Amino acid sequence: MKKLNRLKCMFASTLLLSFIACKKEAKDLNTPAMDAAQKNKLAASQNLSLAATALPAAGQNKVAYYVFDVTPANQGILPMTTFTDKANVVVVFEGTLWELADTVHYNTGSMQNAYYKNKRQVLADIQTLRSRGVKVLMNVDDNANWSSAIPFTTYNGTAYNYVQFASFVNDCVNTAGFDGISLDVEHGATDNTNYRNLIKELGKYFGPLSTNSTTKMYGGAFYSGGAPGPIFRETSLSQYLNFVMDMGYFQDNTSRFNYWANTLGNAKVMLGMSYDDNSQSSAVAQAQWHPDPDKAGIMVFAGNKNKVYTDAIFSALEVNTTPAPSGSDITDYAGSLTAQYQTGSPSGEEFTKIIDNNTATKYLTQNASGWVQFKPTTAATVVKYTITSANDVPDRDPKNWTLQGSNNGTSWTTLNTQTNQTFASRLLKKTYTFTNTTSYAYYRLNISAVQTGSILQFSEWELIRN
């Protein structure tokens, strides 16, 4: 681990943050009996009196991890205050929460890079972000001790049970000036009563079931292969969290989203994206996908690796609430896309590719028939649609289909029927016009047959309004 010199008391007390570690009268955070007055005094001594900001809007959590030891790609090392212009939640990653709250007794040596030379800078920039309305969380790694009766031992050997440790975490959050915590679950803990008790106890201070539910956040990063992460598919645990972030960056996006959403619901789940594992185009497509109900948002790990990549993803998440203008493709505007077969496609050939405006991508399903459906935010009157063939294997082209409209997602009206259609070349866009004067809240393309075989694929689908 990297070596970081402790903060020296030589810094003038008139600087923005005056650390308790530099004061002879400083109170020790490792004292469980610290009363409310003492805690308030600690917080006040660090100028952490910023008013708590509201949580991000539903579906709009744009979570960027700031990783101290990341190697930037095509840019220099940026501080927390400029590494993204779009995130509304920043997770400080590496180091520990307690070393920021007590700079004398804890030091991992990890919270430094070419920009950050001391923790004073880190703490100051956290408050700068918060002053802009950004929620700042501290990453907290689980570990094997969390599965024991003593999940934490202080620098001076004081053993904490799960109740004391959760209280200690809360004290550290308040002292260092964070808006909550984000768990990183993959560090050797096992699922047992001790572990679950701690997760729930932390939920008394942070997250939707806490007494600070409108201001303090509680998130977590998990993946299917990182024990005991899969237990957070249980609502009995995930109910304490604002959101579940999947960090299986190397896995299929649709499959990993459904892994969590099938038990927790869409609104609790977001996928993580990584510059090293997810192309910008695929990450942007995931951000643009808005299921019904909507997902929790999107996360970028090591958001400070490449600012262009990070902000492109967050920009794509933002819902364009402007109604589609006359003659436009309504799939380019706010809405949600679903499909009969949302899993089982090869990686990079998921159903979301049909509205990404990129003929270099396609949707492929191992089925000879199936439907795709688009629900615009505002009902629209569609009078024309297009289908673009994929890049290869003409046998997989759609042959027979109907376009249908609905205002409840249950009762459907057939608007256009096509049979024995062929595509004379690859990446060929064909346009179909029909008469319609009714605005519908749902549009469904129901493909009943392909040219031959048992695989369906096509590249693009557009819905053109009147």
Protein backbone atom coordinates (compact mmCIF):
# COMPACT_ATOMS: atom_id res chain seq x y z
CA MET A 1 0.00 0.00 0.00
CA LYS A 2 1.09 3.56 -0.60
CA LYS A 3 2.56 5.64 2.20
CA LEU A 4 0.84 8.90 3.17
CA ASN A 5 2.23 11.32 5.73
CA ARG A 6 -0.20 12.24 8.45
CA LEU A 7 -1.56 15.74 8.50
CA LYS A 8 0.61 18.16 10.41
CA CYS A 9 -0.77 20.71 12.83
CA MET A 10 1.36 23.33 11.10
CA PHE A 11 -1.60 24.10 8.81
CA ALA A 12 -3.23 27.34 9.84
CA SER A 13 -6.53 27.05 11.64
CA THR A 14 -8.00 29.60 9.25
CA LEU A 15 -8.01 27.08 6.40
CA LEU A 16 -11.35 25.67 5.30
CA LEU A 17 -11.17 22.53 7.40
CA SER A 18 -9.52 22.37 10.80
CA PHE A 19 -9.08 18.75 11.75
CA ILE A 20 -9.73 17.51 15.22
CA ALA A 21 -6.60 15.41 14.89
CA CYS A 22 -4.55 18.59 15.16
CA LYS A 23 -6.18 19.73 18.36
CA LYS A 24 -5.00 18.72 21.81
CA GLU A 25 -8.59 18.73 22.99
CA ALA A 26 -9.75 16.37 20.20
CA LYS A 27 -12.22 13.68 21.16
CA ASP A 28 -11.47 10.11 20.21
CA LEU A 29 -13.98 8.61 17.76
CA ASN A 30 -13.29 5.21 19.25
CA THR A 31 -15.19 6.07 22.40
CA PRO A 32 -18.65 4.45 22.13
CA ALA A 33 -19.91 6.60 24.98
CA MET A 34 -19.42 9.86 23.07
CA ASP A 35 -22.58 11.85 23.69
CA ALA A 36 -24.54 13.92 21.18
CA ALA A 37 -23.03 17.21 22.33
CA GLN A 38 -19.50 15.92 21.78
CA LYS A 39 -20.40 14.60 18.31
CA ASN A 40 -21.93 17.93 17.37
CA LYS A 41 -18.84 19.73 18.58
CA LEU A 42 -16.67 17.48 16.41
CA ALA A 43 -18.74 18.15 13.32
CA ALA A 44 -18.84 21.88 13.98
CA SER A 45 -15.07 21.98 14.44
CA GLN A 46 -14.67 20.80 10.85
CA ASN A 47 -17.11 23.27 9.23
CA LEU A 48 -19.34 20.42 8.07
CA SER A 49 -22.58 22.31 8.56
CA LEU A 50 -23.69 22.18 4.93
CA ALA A 51 -27.43 21.66 4.58
CA ALA A 52 -28.23 18.14 3.42
CA THR A 53 -29.41 18.01 -0.18
CA ALA A 54 -32.30 15.95 -1.49
CA LEU A 55 -31.74 12.52 -3.04
CA PRO A 56 -31.50 12.28 -6.84
CA ALA A 57 -34.78 11.83 -8.70
CA ALA A 58 -36.03 8.28 -9.22
CA GLY A 59 -34.17 6.62 -12.08
CA GLN A 60 -31.57 9.39 -12.22
CA ASN A 61 -28.83 8.19 -9.86
CA LYS A 62 -25.61 8.95 -11.74
CA VAL A 63 -22.96 7.32 -9.56
CA ALA A 64 -19.27 7.93 -10.26
CA TYR A 65 -16.50 6.24 -8.28
CA TYR A 66 -13.40 8.33 -7.63
CA VAL A 67 -10.51 5.83 -7.43
CA PHE A 68 -7.24 7.23 -6.10
CA ASP A 69 -4.85 4.84 -7.82
CA VAL A 70 -6.52 4.69 -11.24
CA THR A 71 -4.31 5.19 -14.29
CA PRO A 72 -6.08 7.78 -16.46
CA ALA A 73 -6.73 7.11 -20.14
CA ASN A 74 -6.04 9.96 -22.58
CA GLN A 75 -6.10 12.59 -19.85
CA GLY A 76 -4.21 13.69 -16.76
CA ILE A 77 -5.09 12.98 -13.13
CA LEU A 78 -8.13 15.02 -12.15
CA PRO A 79 -9.41 15.91 -8.67
CA MET A 80 -12.83 14.97 -7.34
CA THR A 81 -14.12 18.43 -8.16
CA THR A 82 -13.56 18.17 -11.93
CA PHE A 83 -13.37 14.47 -12.91
CA THR A 84 -17.06 14.55 -13.94
CA ASP A 85 -19.53 17.33 -14.66
CA LYS A 86 -22.56 15.05 -14.70
CA ALA A 87 -22.50 12.78 -11.64
CA ASN A 88 -24.94 13.50 -8.82
CA VAL A 89 -23.48 10.82 -6.55
CA VAL A 90 -19.72 10.37 -6.01
CA VAL A 91 -18.28 7.39 -4.16
CA VAL A 92 -14.82 7.90 -2.65
CA PHE A 93 -12.98 4.64 -3.22
CA GLU A 94 -9.85 3.30 -1.49
CA GLY A 95 -8.76 4.01 2.01
CA THR A 96 -11.18 3.90 4.92
CA LEU A 97 -13.92 6.04 6.34
CA TRP A 98 -12.32 6.10 9.77
CA GLU A 99 -9.00 7.48 8.56
CA LEU A 100 -10.83 10.53 7.21
CA ALA A 101 -12.66 10.98 10.51
CA ASP A 102 -9.58 10.36 12.68
CA THR A 103 -6.40 11.24 10.84
CA VAL A 104 -4.16 10.55 13.82
CA HIS A 105 -4.96 6.95 14.58
CA TYR A 106 -5.85 5.47 11.17
CA ASN A 107 -3.93 5.57 7.90
CA THR A 108 -3.95 3.07 5.05
CA GLY A 109 -1.72 5.21 2.84
CA SER A 110 -4.15 4.70 -0.05
CA MET A 111 -5.88 8.05 -0.30
CA GLN A 112 -3.31 9.85 -2.41
CA ASN A 113 -2.26 10.35 -6.02
CA ALA A 114 -0.42 12.99 -8.04
CA TYR A 115 -3.08 15.54 -7.06
CA TYR A 116 -3.98 14.58 -3.49
CA LYS A 117 -1.02 14.87 -1.14
CA ASN A 118 -2.92 14.86 2.14
CA LYS A 119 -6.34 14.17 3.59
CA ARG A 120 -7.03 17.84 4.14
CA GLN A 121 -7.38 18.20 0.36
CA VAL A 122 -9.65 15.18 0.17
CA LEU A 123 -11.98 16.42 2.88
CA ALA A 124 -12.10 19.92 1.43
CA ASP A 125 -13.09 18.63 -2.00
CA ILE A 126 -15.80 16.42 -0.51
CA GLN A 127 -17.38 19.55 0.91
CA THR A 128 -16.99 21.39 -2.39
CA LEU A 129 -18.94 18.63 -4.12
CA ARG A 130 -21.62 18.68 -1.46
CA SER A 131 -21.96 22.45 -1.78
CA ARG A 132 -22.88 21.82 -5.44
CA GLY A 133 -25.64 19.42 -4.45
CA VAL A 134 -23.67 16.24 -5.19
CA LYS A 135 -24.19 13.40 -2.71
CA VAL A 136 -20.81 12.04 -1.56
CA LEU A 137 -20.58 8.52 -0.16
CA MET A 138 -17.62 6.65 1.28
CA ASN A 139 -16.90 3.17 0.04
CA VAL A 140 -16.89 0.63 2.87
CA ASP A 141 -15.43 -2.83 2.15
CA ASP A 142 -16.92 -5.79 3.92
CA ASN A 143 -14.51 -8.42 5.26
CA ALA A 144 -14.43 -11.78 6.99
CA ASN A 145 -14.79 -10.16 10.42
CA TRP A 146 -18.25 -8.97 9.50
CA SER A 147 -19.36 -12.57 9.81
CA SER A 148 -18.10 -12.74 13.38
CA ALA A 149 -19.37 -11.34 16.66
CA ILE A 150 -16.61 -8.69 16.49
CA PRO A 151 -16.77 -7.02 13.06
CA PHE A 152 -14.32 -4.25 13.97
CA THR A 153 -11.47 -3.59 16.36
CA THR A 154 -10.20 -0.07 16.90
CA TYR A 155 -6.58 1.04 16.71
CA ASN A 156 -6.25 0.61 20.49
CA GLY A 157 -7.75 -2.87 20.58
CA THR A 158 -11.34 -2.05 21.54
CA ALA A 159 -13.65 -4.70 20.14
CA TYR A 160 -16.96 -3.55 18.66
CA ASN A 161 -20.03 -5.68 18.19
CA TYR A 162 -22.32 -4.96 15.23
CA VAL A 163 -24.35 -2.35 17.11
CA GLN A 164 -21.25 -0.45 18.23
CA PHE A 165 -19.62 -0.72 14.82
CA ALA A 166 -22.67 0.65 13.00
CA SER A 167 -22.77 3.55 15.45
CA PHE A 168 -19.05 4.13 14.87
CA VAL A 169 -19.58 4.19 11.10
CA ASN A 170 -22.32 6.75 11.56
CA ASP A 171 -20.06 8.89 13.75
CA CYS A 172 -17.33 8.74 11.12
CA VAL A 173 -19.75 9.72 8.33
CA ASN A 174 -20.94 12.72 10.30
CA THR A 175 -17.46 13.76 11.39
CA ALA A 176 -15.86 13.48 7.94
CA GLY A 177 -18.90 15.07 6.30
CA PHE A 178 -20.32 12.39 4.00
CA ASP A 179 -23.87 11.78 2.83
CA GLY A 180 -23.75 8.05 3.49
CA ILE A 181 -21.92 4.87 2.58
CA SER A 182 -21.65 2.42 -0.29
CA LEU A 183 -20.73 -1.18 0.46
CA ASP A 184 -18.25 -3.15 -1.64
CA VAL A 185 -19.15 -6.79 -1.08
CA GLU A 186 -16.58 -9.36 -2.17
CA HIS A 187 -13.91 -9.55 0.54
CA GLY A 188 -14.21 -12.92 2.23
CA ALA A 189 -17.30 -12.51 4.41
CA THR A 190 -19.82 -15.32 4.64
CA ASP A 191 -23.56 -15.21 4.94
CA ASN A 192 -24.67 -15.70 8.55
CA THR A 193 -26.66 -13.99 11.27
CA ASN A 194 -23.74 -11.76 12.31
CA TYR A 195 -23.34 -10.43 8.78
CA ARG A 196 -27.04 -9.82 8.25
CA ASN A 197 -27.40 -8.10 11.61
CA LEU A 198 -24.68 -5.62 10.69
CA ILE A 199 -26.21 -4.86 7.29
CA LYS A 200 -29.55 -4.16 8.94
CA GLU A 201 -28.01 -2.13 11.77
CA LEU A 202 -26.29 0.16 9.27
CA GLY A 203 -29.72 0.61 7.73
CA LYS A 204 -30.85 2.36 10.91
CA TYR A 205 -28.51 5.26 10.08
CA PHE A 206 -28.50 5.30 6.29
CA GLY A 207 -30.91 4.55 3.47
CA PRO A 208 -34.67 4.36 2.90
CA LEU A 209 -35.54 2.73 6.24
CA SER A 210 -33.36 5.00 8.37
CA THR A 211 -34.34 8.05 10.37
CA ASN A 212 -32.45 10.06 7.73
CA SER A 213 -34.17 8.49 4.73
CA THR A 214 -34.50 11.72 2.75
CA THR A 215 -30.85 12.74 3.06
CA LYS A 216 -28.54 9.82 3.95
CA MET A 217 -27.83 7.21 1.28
CA TYR A 218 -26.95 3.53 1.61
CA GLY A 219 -25.85 1.70 -1.52
CA GLY A 220 -23.83 -1.33 -2.42
CA ALA A 221 -21.84 -2.87 -5.27
CA PHE A 222 -22.21 -6.60 -5.86
CA TYR A 223 -21.94 -9.25 -8.55
CA SER A 224 -23.20 -12.79 -8.91
CA GLY A 225 -19.76 -14.35 -8.35
CA GLY A 226 -18.74 -12.29 -5.32
CA ALA A 227 -19.91 -13.90 -2.09
CA PRO A 228 -21.93 -13.08 -0.13
CA GLY A 229 -23.28 -10.59 -2.68
CA PRO A 230 -26.10 -12.79 -4.04
CA ILE A 231 -27.92 -12.63 -0.69
CA PHE A 232 -28.76 -9.02 -1.53
CA ARG A 233 -31.22 -10.39 -4.07
CA GLU A 234 -33.40 -10.91 -1.02
CA THR A 235 -35.71 -8.01 -0.30
CA SER A 236 -35.22 -8.62 3.42
CA LEU A 237 -31.71 -7.16 2.98
CA SER A 238 -31.96 -4.94 -0.08
CA GLN A 239 -34.88 -3.02 1.43
CA TYR A 240 -32.30 -1.20 3.55
CA LEU A 241 -30.44 0.04 0.45
CA ASN A 242 -31.25 2.91 -1.88
CA PHE A 243 -29.93 0.88 -4.78
CA VAL A 244 -28.03 -2.25 -5.77
CA MET A 245 -25.17 -1.73 -8.24
CA ASP A 246 -23.98 -4.68 -10.31
CA MET A 247 -20.21 -4.68 -10.79
CA GLY A 248 -19.99 -7.73 -13.07
CA TYR A 249 -18.74 -5.43 -15.81
CA PHE A 250 -17.55 -8.35 -17.92
CA GLN A 251 -21.00 -10.01 -18.01
CA ASP A 252 -23.95 -9.58 -20.36
CA ASN A 253 -25.86 -6.43 -19.48
CA THR A 254 -29.35 -7.83 -19.85
CA SER A 255 -28.59 -10.97 -17.86
CA ARG A 256 -26.92 -9.16 -15.00
CA PHE A 257 -29.69 -6.58 -14.76
CA ASN A 258 -32.36 -9.27 -14.63
CA TYR A 259 -30.32 -11.25 -12.08
CA TRP A 260 -31.18 -8.57 -9.54
CA ALA A 261 -34.35 -7.04 -10.96
CA ASN A 262 -36.24 -10.33 -11.13
CA THR A 263 -36.46 -10.36 -7.33
CA LEU A 264 -35.91 -6.71 -6.36
CA GLY A 265 -37.71 -4.88 -9.16
CA ASN A 266 -36.21 -2.51 -11.72
CA ALA A 267 -36.25 0.57 -9.50
CA LYS A 268 -33.73 -0.88 -7.03
CA VAL A 269 -31.13 -1.91 -9.64
CA MET A 270 -28.47 -0.22 -11.73
CA LEU A 271 -25.58 -1.59 -13.74
CA GLY A 272 -21.99 -0.51 -13.33
CA MET A 273 -19.88 0.41 -16.36
CA SER A 274 -16.10 0.32 -16.64
CA TYR A 275 -13.86 1.96 -19.23
CA ASP A 276 -11.76 -1.20 -19.39
CA ASP A 277 -14.67 -3.64 -19.81
CA ASN A 278 -17.60 -1.83 -21.43
CA SER A 279 -17.40 0.10 -24.68
CA GLN A 280 -18.76 3.62 -24.59
CA SER A 281 -21.45 2.74 -27.14
CA SER A 282 -22.73 -0.23 -25.12
CA ALA A 283 -22.62 1.77 -21.88
CA VAL A 284 -24.50 4.66 -23.48
CA ALA A 285 -27.11 2.25 -24.84
CA GLN A 286 -27.62 0.83 -21.35
CA ALA A 287 -28.00 4.32 -19.94
CA GLN A 288 -30.54 5.23 -22.62
CA TRP A 289 -32.60 2.13 -21.89
CA HIS A 290 -35.50 3.00 -19.63
CA PRO A 291 -37.55 -0.05 -18.68
CA ASP A 292 -41.02 0.27 -17.21
CA PRO A 293 -40.77 0.86 -14.29
CA ASP A 294 -37.43 2.58 -14.70
CA LYS A 295 -34.09 1.37 -13.36
CA ALA A 296 -32.35 3.13 -10.46
CA GLY A 297 -29.75 4.83 -12.66
CA ILE A 298 -26.25 3.92 -13.81
CA MET A 299 -22.80 3.69 -12.23
CA VAL A 300 -19.31 4.23 -13.64
CA PHE A 301 -16.44 2.63 -11.78
CA ALA A 302 -13.21 4.56 -11.85
CA GLY A 303 -15.12 7.48 -13.29
CA ASN A 304 -11.87 9.42 -13.11
CA LYS A 305 -10.24 7.14 -15.68
CA ASN A 306 -11.70 9.06 -18.60
CA LYS A 307 -14.00 12.05 -18.19
CA VAL A 308 -15.41 11.94 -21.73
CA TYR A 309 -16.47 8.32 -21.25
CA THR A 310 -18.00 8.96 -17.84
CA ASP A 311 -19.97 12.05 -18.77
CA ALA A 312 -21.22 10.57 -22.05
CA ILE A 313 -22.84 7.76 -20.05
CA PHE A 314 -24.42 10.09 -17.51
CA SER A 315 -25.67 12.40 -20.25
CA ALA A 316 -27.32 9.44 -21.95
CA LEU A 317 -29.21 8.59 -18.76
CA GLU A 318 -30.93 11.95 -18.67
CA VAL A 319 -34.47 11.57 -19.93
CA ASN A 320 -35.49 13.87 -22.74
CA THR A 321 -39.02 14.81 -21.71
CA THR A 322 -39.60 16.89 -24.84
CA PRO A 323 -42.39 15.26 -26.89
CA ALA A 324 -41.23 13.89 -30.23
CA PRO A 325 -41.85 16.56 -32.89
CA SER A 326 -43.91 15.95 -36.01
CA GLY A 327 -42.31 13.49 -38.40
CA SER A 328 -39.70 12.26 -35.92
CA ASP A 329 -38.78 8.82 -34.64
CA ILE A 330 -40.38 8.52 -31.20
CA THR A 331 -37.79 5.94 -30.07
CA ASP A 332 -35.24 8.78 -30.05
CA TYR A 333 -37.20 10.41 -27.23
CA ALA A 334 -38.19 9.44 -23.71
CA GLY A 335 -39.73 6.01 -23.34
CA SER A 336 -39.07 2.40 -22.44
CA LEU A 337 -38.22 -0.57 -24.64
CA THR A 338 -39.09 -4.15 -23.70
CA ALA A 339 -39.04 -7.46 -25.55
CA GLN A 340 -40.55 -10.91 -25.30
CA TYR A 341 -37.04 -12.33 -25.09
CA GLN A 342 -34.82 -10.02 -23.06
CA THR A 343 -32.25 -12.67 -22.14
CA GLY A 344 -30.29 -15.30 -24.05
CA SER A 345 -28.87 -12.99 -26.72
CA PRO A 346 -25.13 -13.02 -27.42
CA SER A 347 -23.21 -10.28 -25.63
CA GLY A 348 -23.56 -7.02 -27.56
CA GLU A 349 -26.63 -8.24 -29.46
CA GLU A 350 -29.30 -7.44 -26.86
CA PHE A 351 -32.78 -6.14 -27.72
CA THR A 352 -31.81 -2.57 -26.76
CA LYS A 353 -29.66 -2.39 -29.91
CA ILE A 354 -32.68 -1.90 -32.19
CA ILE A 355 -33.14 1.72 -31.09
CA ASP A 356 -29.50 2.78 -30.71
CA ASN A 357 -29.38 4.41 -34.18
CA ASN A 358 -26.37 2.29 -35.05
CA THR A 359 -26.63 -0.22 -37.90
CA ALA A 360 -23.33 -1.75 -36.80
CA THR A 361 -25.26 -3.38 -33.92
CA LYS A 362 -28.25 -5.75 -33.95
CA TYR A 363 -30.71 -7.68 -31.83
CA LEU A 364 -30.45 -11.48 -32.07
CA THR A 365 -32.66 -13.96 -30.26
CA GLN A 366 -32.53 -17.75 -30.44
CA ASN A 367 -36.20 -17.82 -31.40
CA ALA A 368 -37.98 -17.79 -34.75
CA SER A 369 -40.60 -15.35 -33.52
CA GLY A 370 -40.97 -12.71 -30.82
CA TRP A 371 -42.13 -9.19 -30.09
CA VAL A 372 -40.48 -5.91 -29.18
CA GLN A 373 -42.40 -3.05 -27.61
CA PHE A 374 -41.84 0.67 -27.11
CA LYS A 375 -43.73 2.81 -24.61
CA PRO A 376 -43.17 6.54 -25.19
CA THR A 377 -43.42 8.86 -22.21
CA THR A 378 -46.13 10.76 -24.10
CA ALA A 379 -48.66 8.89 -26.25
CA ALA A 380 -48.04 9.46 -29.95
CA THR A 381 -49.77 8.89 -33.29
CA VAL A 382 -47.46 6.71 -35.37
CA VAL A 383 -48.09 6.57 -39.12
CA LYS A 384 -44.90 4.96 -40.38
CA TYR A 385 -42.18 2.60 -39.19
CA THR A 386 -38.90 1.18 -40.47
CA ILE A 387 -37.05 -2.10 -40.03
CA THR A 388 -33.38 -2.47 -40.94
CA SER A 389 -31.89 -5.88 -41.70
CA ALA A 390 -28.83 -7.10 -39.82
CA ASN A 391 -25.30 -7.45 -41.10
CA ASP A 392 -25.34 -11.15 -42.00
CA VAL A 393 -27.36 -14.40 -42.45
CA PRO A 394 -30.45 -13.36 -44.47
CA ASP A 395 -32.29 -16.45 -43.24
CA ARG A 396 -32.71 -14.70 -39.88
CA ASP A 397 -34.51 -11.68 -41.36
CA PRO A 398 -38.10 -11.02 -40.28
CA LYS A 399 -40.66 -12.36 -42.77
CA ASN A 400 -44.13 -11.97 -41.27
CA TRP A 401 -45.24 -9.47 -38.63
CA THR A 402 -47.85 -7.07 -37.33
CA LEU A 403 -47.47 -3.61 -35.82
CA GLN A 404 -49.92 -3.06 -32.99
CA GLY A 405 -50.94 -0.18 -30.72
CA SER A 406 -52.38 -0.17 -27.21
CA ASN A 407 -53.32 2.28 -24.48
CA ASN A 408 -53.12 -0.19 -21.60
CA GLY A 409 -50.48 -2.72 -22.64
CA THR A 410 -53.09 -5.48 -22.66
CA SER A 411 -55.64 -4.83 -25.42
CA TRP A 412 -53.99 -4.43 -28.83
CA THR A 413 -55.16 -2.93 -32.13
CA THR A 414 -53.46 -4.15 -35.31
CA LEU A 415 -52.26 -1.16 -37.32
CA ASN A 416 -50.29 -2.85 -40.08
CA THR A 417 -49.70 -6.42 -41.24
CA GLN A 418 -46.87 -7.66 -43.47
CA THR A 419 -46.30 -11.14 -44.93
CA ASN A 420 -43.59 -12.70 -47.08
CA GLN A 421 -41.28 -9.72 -46.71
CA THR A 422 -37.67 -10.02 -47.85
CA PHE A 423 -34.59 -7.82 -47.52
CA ALA A 424 -32.55 -7.67 -50.72
CA SER A 425 -29.33 -6.68 -48.98
CA ARG A 426 -27.66 -6.41 -45.61
CA LEU A 427 -28.31 -3.30 -43.51
CA LEU A 428 -31.25 -2.41 -45.74
CA LYS A 429 -33.86 -0.09 -44.23
CA LYS A 430 -37.43 -0.73 -45.38
CA THR A 431 -40.23 1.74 -44.64
CA TYR A 432 -43.89 0.87 -44.06
CA THR A 433 -46.61 3.54 -44.10
CA PHE A 434 -50.18 3.11 -42.90
CA THR A 435 -53.22 5.16 -41.92
CA ASN A 436 -53.65 5.96 -38.24
CA THR A 437 -55.29 8.86 -36.40
CA THR A 438 -55.11 7.46 -32.85
CA SER A 439 -52.42 8.20 -30.27
CA TYR A 440 -51.22 5.08 -28.51
CA ALA A 441 -49.23 4.67 -25.31
CA TYR A 442 -47.63 1.40 -26.49
CA TYR A 443 -46.41 0.13 -29.85
CA ARG A 444 -45.51 -3.51 -30.44
CA LEU A 445 -43.81 -5.14 -33.40
CA ASN A 446 -44.91 -8.78 -33.26
CA ILE A 447 -42.77 -10.92 -35.58
CA SER A 448 -44.35 -14.33 -36.26
CA ALA A 449 -41.83 -15.81 -38.71
CA VAL A 450 -38.32 -15.46 -40.09
CA GLN A 451 -37.15 -16.38 -43.59
CA THR A 452 -36.07 -19.82 -42.43
CA GLY A 453 -34.58 -21.47 -39.37
CA SER A 454 -35.03 -20.70 -35.67
CA ILE A 455 -33.08 -17.45 -35.10
CA LEU A 456 -34.44 -13.92 -35.46
CA GLN A 457 -32.28 -10.86 -35.93
CA PHE A 458 -32.57 -7.29 -37.17
CA SER A 459 -30.58 -4.10 -36.69
CA GLU A 460 -32.94 -1.14 -36.23
CA TRP A 461 -36.60 -0.30 -35.58
CA GLU A 462 -38.01 3.21 -35.93
CA LEU A 463 -41.50 4.52 -35.17
CA ILE A 464 -42.36 7.73 -37.04
CA ARG A 465 -45.16 9.92 -35.69
CA ASN A 466 -47.55 12.07 -37.73
